[in-house]
Amino acid sequence: DAATMTEMLKLDEFRDAAAGLNFHG
């Protein structure tokens, strides 16, 4: 569900700088 998905995507392992650059690009 959306709540669990949000928790997973907030984990530090999925919020590093490379992840941010990839998302914006």
PDB file of all heavy atoms in Angstrom:
ATOM      1  N   ASP A   1       0.835  -1.200   0.000  1.00  0.00           N
ATOM      2  CA  ASP A   1       0.000   0.000   0.000  1.00  0.00           C
ATOM      3  C   ASP A   1       0.873   1.254   0.000  1.00  0.00           C
ATOM      4  O   ASP A   1       2.100   1.191   0.141  1.00  0.00           O
ATOM      5  CB  ASP A   1      -0.944  -0.008   1.196  1.00  0.00           C
ATOM      6  CG  ASP A   1      -0.200   0.142   2.513  1.00  0.00           C
ATOM      7  OD1 ASP A   1       0.849  -0.515   2.677  1.00  0.00           O
ATOM      8  OD2 ASP A   1      -0.650   0.903   3.378  1.00  0.00           O
ATOM      9  N   ALA A   2       0.246   2.408  -0.160  1.00  0.00           N
ATOM     10  CA  ALA A   2       0.981   3.664  -0.295  1.00  0.00           C
ATOM     11  C   ALA A   2       1.797   3.992   0.948  1.00  0.00           C
ATOM     12  O   ALA A   2       2.928   4.484   0.847  1.00  0.00           O
ATOM     13  CB  ALA A   2       0.003   4.802  -0.599  1.00  0.00           C
ATOM     14  N   ALA A   3       1.259   3.717   2.138  1.00  0.00           N
ATOM     15  CA  ALA A   3       1.968   4.045   3.376  1.00  0.00           C
ATOM     16  C   ALA A   3       3.260   3.242   3.504  1.00  0.00           C
ATOM     17  O   ALA A   3       4.314   3.784   3.855  1.00  0.00           O
ATOM     18  CB  ALA A   3       1.063   3.795   4.583  1.00  0.00           C
ATOM     19  N   THR A   4       3.192   1.943   3.223  1.00  0.00           N
ATOM     20  CA  THR A   4       4.385   1.095   3.298  1.00  0.00           C
ATOM     21  C   THR A   4       5.385   1.490   2.223  1.00  0.00           C
ATOM     22  O   THR A   4       6.602   1.519   2.453  1.00  0.00           O
ATOM     23  CB  THR A   4       3.998  -0.383   3.144  1.00  0.00           C
ATOM     24  OG1 THR A   4       3.028  -0.730   4.130  1.00  0.00           O
ATOM     25  CG2 THR A   4       5.221  -1.284   3.306  1.00  0.00           C
ATOM     26  N   MET A   5       4.881   1.791   1.032  1.00  0.00           N
ATOM     27  CA  MET A   5       5.761   2.236  -0.048  1.00  0.00           C
ATOM     28  C   MET A   5       6.514   3.497   0.369  1.00  0.00           C
ATOM     29  O   MET A   5       7.729   3.629   0.129  1.00  0.00           O
ATOM     30  CB  MET A   5       4.938   2.509  -1.306  1.00  0.00           C
ATOM     31  CG  MET A   5       5.756   2.984  -2.493  1.00  0.00           C
ATOM     32  SD  MET A   5       4.718   3.479  -3.895  1.00  0.00           S
ATOM     33  CE  MET A   5       3.929   1.925  -4.288  1.00  0.00           C
ATOM     34  N   THR A   6       5.831   4.420   1.017  1.00  0.00           N
ATOM     35  CA  THR A   6       6.466   5.653   1.468  1.00  0.00           C
ATOM     36  C   THR A   6       7.561   5.369   2.486  1.00  0.00           C
ATOM     37  O   THR A   6       8.651   5.955   2.432  1.00  0.00           O
ATOM     38  CB  THR A   6       5.411   6.592   2.083  1.00  0.00           C
ATOM     39  OG1 THR A   6       4.419   6.883   1.109  1.00  0.00           O
ATOM     40  CG2 THR A   6       6.051   7.881   2.569  1.00  0.00           C
ATOM     41  N   GLU A   7       7.290   4.458   3.426  1.00  0.00           N
ATOM     42  CA  GLU A   7       8.294   4.104   4.422  1.00  0.00           C
ATOM     43  C   GLU A   7       9.546   3.523   3.773  1.00  0.00           C
ATOM     44  O   GLU A   7      10.669   3.836   4.165  1.00  0.00           O
ATOM     45  CB  GLU A   7       7.713   3.099   5.425  1.00  0.00           C
ATOM     46  CG  GLU A   7       6.766   3.705   6.445  1.00  0.00           C
ATOM     47  CD  GLU A   7       6.484   2.735   7.580  1.00  0.00           C
ATOM     48  OE1 GLU A   7       7.454   2.198   8.168  1.00  0.00           O
ATOM     49  OE2 GLU A   7       5.297   2.488   7.851  1.00  0.00           O
ATOM     50  N   MET A   8       9.374   2.661   2.782  1.00  0.00           N
ATOM     51  CA  MET A   8      10.522   2.059   2.115  1.00  0.00           C
ATOM     52  C   MET A   8      11.353   3.107   1.396  1.00  0.00           C
ATOM     53  O   MET A   8      12.583   3.123   1.481  1.00  0.00           O
ATOM     54  CB  MET A   8      10.059   0.981   1.128  1.00  0.00           C
ATOM     55  CG  MET A   8       9.626  -0.315   1.768  1.00  0.00           C
ATOM     56  SD  MET A   8       9.452  -1.641   0.559  1.00  0.00           S
ATOM     57  CE  MET A   8       8.037  -1.051  -0.356  1.00  0.00           C
ATOM     58  N   LEU A   9      10.687   4.005   0.682  1.00  0.00           N
ATOM     59  CA  LEU A   9      11.406   4.988  -0.124  1.00  0.00           C
ATOM     60  C   LEU A   9      12.051   6.075   0.721  1.00  0.00           C
ATOM     61  O   LEU A   9      12.906   6.825   0.225  1.00  0.00           O
ATOM     62  CB  LEU A   9      10.463   5.611  -1.150  1.00  0.00           C
ATOM     63  CG  LEU A   9       9.912   4.631  -2.195  1.00  0.00           C
ATOM     64  CD1 LEU A   9       8.949   5.338  -3.137  1.00  0.00           C
ATOM     65  CD2 LEU A   9      11.049   3.994  -2.983  1.00  0.00           C
ATOM     66  N   LYS A  10      11.696   6.156   2.017  1.00  0.00           N
ATOM     67  CA  LYS A  10      12.322   7.116   2.921  1.00  0.00           C
ATOM     68  C   LYS A  10      13.562   6.555   3.599  1.00  0.00           C
ATOM     69  O   LYS A  10      14.271   7.297   4.292  1.00  0.00           O
ATOM     70  CB  LYS A  10      11.309   7.566   3.986  1.00  0.00           C
ATOM     71  CG  LYS A  10      10.271   8.556   3.486  1.00  0.00           C
ATOM     72  CD  LYS A  10       9.346   8.994   4.603  1.00  0.00           C
ATOM     73  CE  LYS A  10       8.338  10.043   4.110  1.00  0.00           C
ATOM     74  NZ  LYS A  10       7.413  10.448   5.205  1.00  0.00           N
ATOM     75  N   LEU A  11      13.838   5.275   3.419  1.00  0.00           N
ATOM     76  CA  LEU A  11      15.037   4.689   4.015  1.00  0.00           C
ATOM     77  C   LEU A  11      16.278   5.369   3.456  1.00  0.00           C
ATOM     78  O   LEU A  11      16.347   5.711   2.276  1.00  0.00           O
ATOM     79  CB  LEU A  11      15.094   3.190   3.730  1.00  0.00           C
ATOM     80  CG  LEU A  11      14.006   2.318   4.362  1.00  0.00           C
ATOM     81  CD1 LEU A  11      14.129   0.876   3.897  1.00  0.00           C
ATOM     82  CD2 LEU A  11      14.068   2.391   5.881  1.00  0.00           C
ATOM     83  N   ASP A  12      17.263   5.576   4.327  1.00  0.00           N
ATOM     84  CA  ASP A  12      18.485   6.265   3.907  1.00  0.00           C
ATOM     85  C   ASP A  12      19.138   5.598   2.710  1.00  0.00           C
ATOM     86  O   ASP A  12      19.714   6.270   1.847  1.00  0.00           O
ATOM     87  CB  ASP A  12      19.483   6.322   5.067  1.00  0.00           C
ATOM     88  CG  ASP A  12      19.027   7.261   6.177  1.00  0.00           C
ATOM     89  OD1 ASP A  12      18.175   8.134   5.882  1.00  0.00           O
ATOM     90  OD2 ASP A  12      19.507   7.115   7.311  1.00  0.00           O
ATOM     91  N   GLU A  13      19.054   4.277   2.638  1.00  0.00           N
ATOM     92  CA  GLU A  13      19.703   3.547   1.549  1.00  0.00           C
ATOM     93  C   GLU A  13      19.100   3.890   0.188  1.00  0.00           C
ATOM     94  O   GLU A  13      19.729   3.651  -0.846  1.00  0.00           O
ATOM     95  CB  GLU A  13      19.595   2.044   1.786  1.00  0.00           C
ATOM     96  CG  GLU A  13      20.467   1.518   2.915  1.00  0.00           C
ATOM     97  CD  GLU A  13      19.868   1.750   4.295  1.00  0.00           C
ATOM     98  OE1 GLU A  13      18.726   2.284   4.374  1.00  0.00           O
ATOM     99  OE2 GLU A  13      20.532   1.420   5.293  1.00  0.00           O
ATOM    100  N   PHE A  14      17.895   4.422   0.179  1.00  0.00           N
ATOM    101  CA  PHE A  14      17.245   4.781  -1.077  1.00  0.00           C
ATOM    102  C   PHE A  14      17.096   6.301  -1.234  1.00  0.00           C
ATOM    103  O   PHE A  14      16.325   6.772  -2.056  1.00  0.00           O
ATOM    104  CB  PHE A  14      15.871   4.117  -1.163  1.00  0.00           C
ATOM    105  CG  PHE A  14      15.930   2.640  -0.951  1.00  0.00           C
ATOM    106  CD1 PHE A  14      15.208   2.046   0.064  1.00  0.00           C
ATOM    107  CD2 PHE A  14      16.745   1.837  -1.740  1.00  0.00           C
ATOM    108  CE1 PHE A  14      15.282   0.679   0.285  1.00  0.00           C
ATOM    109  CE2 PHE A  14      16.816   0.475  -1.535  1.00  0.00           C
ATOM    110  CZ  PHE A  14      16.093  -0.108  -0.523  1.00  0.00           C
ATOM    111  N   ARG A  15      17.884   7.067  -0.398  1.00  0.00           N
ATOM    112  CA  ARG A  15      17.784   8.525  -0.477  1.00  0.00           C
ATOM    113  C   ARG A  15      19.165   9.173  -0.602  1.00  0.00           C
ATOM    114  O   ARG A  15      19.331  10.335  -0.259  1.00  0.00           O
ATOM    115  CB  ARG A  15      17.108   9.086   0.783  1.00  0.00           C
ATOM    116  CG  ARG A  15      15.646   8.701   0.910  1.00  0.00           C
ATOM    117  CD  ARG A  15      14.937   9.617   1.893  1.00  0.00           C
ATOM    118  NE  ARG A  15      15.561   9.575   3.222  1.00  0.00           N
ATOM    119  CZ  ARG A  15      15.378  10.500   4.148  1.00  0.00           C
ATOM    120  NH1 ARG A  15      14.621  11.554   3.896  1.00  0.00           N
ATOM    121  NH2 ARG A  15      15.958  10.390   5.324  1.00  0.00           N
ATOM    122  N   ASP A  16      20.140   8.431  -1.109  1.00  0.00           N
ATOM    123  CA  ASP A  16      21.475   9.011  -1.216  1.00  0.00           C
ATOM    124  C   ASP A  16      21.543  10.004  -2.375  1.00  0.00           C
ATOM    125  O   ASP A  16      20.597  10.184  -3.134  1.00  0.00           O
ATOM    126  CB  ASP A  16      22.546   7.918  -1.366  1.00  0.00           C
ATOM    127  CG  ASP A  16      22.333   7.057  -2.599  1.00  0.00           C
ATOM    128  OD1 ASP A  16      21.685   7.528  -3.548  1.00  0.00           O
ATOM    129  OD2 ASP A  16      22.825   5.913  -2.611  1.00  0.00           O
ATOM    130  N   ALA A  17      22.686  10.664  -2.500  1.00  0.00           N
ATOM    131  CA  ALA A  17      22.836  11.718  -3.510  1.00  0.00           C
ATOM    132  C   ALA A  17      22.661  11.182  -4.917  1.00  0.00           C
ATOM    133  O   ALA A  17      22.031  11.816  -5.770  1.00  0.00           O
ATOM    134  CB  ALA A  17      24.207  12.370  -3.363  1.00  0.00           C
ATOM    135  N   ALA A  18      23.200   9.984  -5.176  1.00  0.00           N
ATOM    136  CA  ALA A  18      23.089   9.401  -6.521  1.00  0.00           C
ATOM    137  C   ALA A  18      21.638   9.126  -6.866  1.00  0.00           C
ATOM    138  O   ALA A  18      21.200   9.328  -8.000  1.00  0.00           O
ATOM    139  CB  ALA A  18      23.909   8.115  -6.613  1.00  0.00           C
ATOM    140  N   ALA A  19      20.877   8.693  -5.855  1.00  0.00           N
ATOM    141  CA  ALA A  19      19.459   8.435  -6.096  1.00  0.00           C
ATOM    142  C   ALA A  19      18.738   9.720  -6.473  1.00  0.00           C
ATOM    143  O   ALA A  19      17.898   9.745  -7.378  1.00  0.00           O
ATOM    144  CB  ALA A  19      18.819   7.818  -4.857  1.00  0.00           C
ATOM    145  N   GLY A  20      19.084  10.843  -5.771  1.00  0.00           N
ATOM    146  CA  GLY A  20      18.450  12.107  -6.083  1.00  0.00           C
ATOM    147  C   GLY A  20      18.777  12.597  -7.476  1.00  0.00           C
ATOM    148  O   GLY A  20      17.911  13.072  -8.210  1.00  0.00           O
ATOM    149  N   LEU A  21      20.040  12.466  -7.860  1.00  0.00           N
ATOM    150  CA  LEU A  21      20.438  12.887  -9.200  1.00  0.00           C
ATOM    151  C   LEU A  21      19.737  12.066 -10.268  1.00  0.00           C
ATOM    152  O   LEU A  21      19.292  12.585 -11.294  1.00  0.00           O
ATOM    153  CB  LEU A  21      21.959  12.768  -9.350  1.00  0.00           C
ATOM    154  CG  LEU A  21      22.801  13.793  -8.573  1.00  0.00           C
ATOM    155  CD1 LEU A  21      24.279  13.448  -8.682  1.00  0.00           C
ATOM    156  CD2 LEU A  21      22.532  15.200  -9.084  1.00  0.00           C
ATOM    157  N   ASN A  22      19.616  10.755 -10.015  1.00  0.00           N
ATOM    158  CA  ASN A  22      18.959   9.878 -10.984  1.00  0.00           C
ATOM    159  C   ASN A  22      17.478  10.226 -11.117  1.00  0.00           C
ATOM    160  O   ASN A  22      16.920  10.258 -12.217  1.00  0.00           O
ATOM    161  CB  ASN A  22      19.112   8.412 -10.569  1.00  0.00           C
ATOM    162  CG  ASN A  22      18.567   7.458 -11.615  1.00  0.00           C
ATOM    163  OD1 ASN A  22      19.021   7.466 -12.749  1.00  0.00           O
ATOM    164  ND2 ASN A  22      17.609   6.630 -11.220  1.00  0.00           N
ATOM    165  N   PHE A  23      16.840  10.549  -9.984  1.00  0.00           N
ATOM    166  CA  PHE A  23      15.415  10.884 -10.014  1.00  0.00           C
ATOM    167  C   PHE A  23      15.177  12.191 -10.779  1.00  0.00           C
ATOM    168  O   PHE A  23      14.278  12.295 -11.612  1.00  0.00           O
ATOM    169  CB  PHE A  23      14.870  10.996  -8.591  1.00  0.00           C
ATOM    170  CG  PHE A  23      13.428  11.421  -8.526  1.00  0.00           C
ATOM    171  CD1 PHE A  23      12.426  10.545  -8.897  1.00  0.00           C
ATOM    172  CD2 PHE A  23      13.079  12.692  -8.122  1.00  0.00           C
ATOM    173  CE1 PHE A  23      11.091  10.927  -8.855  1.00  0.00           C
ATOM    174  CE2 PHE A  23      11.756  13.085  -8.078  1.00  0.00           C
ATOM    175  CZ  PHE A  23      10.767  12.193  -8.442  1.00  0.00           C
ATOM    176  N   HIS A  24      16.025  13.202 -10.503  1.00  0.00           N
ATOM    177  CA  HIS A  24      15.848  14.487 -11.188  1.00  0.00           C
ATOM    178  C   HIS A  24      16.180  14.375 -12.668  1.00  0.00           C
ATOM    179  O   HIS A  24      15.593  15.085 -13.500  1.00  0.00           O
ATOM    180  CB  HIS A  24      16.717  15.560 -10.533  1.00  0.00           C
ATOM    181  CG  HIS A  24      16.231  15.992  -9.193  1.00  0.00           C
ATOM    182  ND1 HIS A  24      15.025  16.628  -9.005  1.00  0.00           N
ATOM    183  CD2 HIS A  24      16.775  15.858  -7.953  1.00  0.00           C
ATOM    184  CE1 HIS A  24      14.844  16.885  -7.720  1.00  0.00           C
ATOM    185  NE2 HIS A  24      15.895  16.422  -7.053  1.00  0.00           N
ATOM    186  N   GLY A  25      17.105  13.479 -13.014  1.00  0.00           N
ATOM    187  CA  GLY A  25      17.519  13.357 -14.405  1.00  0.00           C
ATOM    188  C   GLY A  25      16.604  12.500 -15.254  1.00  0.00           C
ATOM    189  O   GLY A  25      16.356  12.797 -16.427  1.00  0.00           O
TER     190      GLY A  25
END
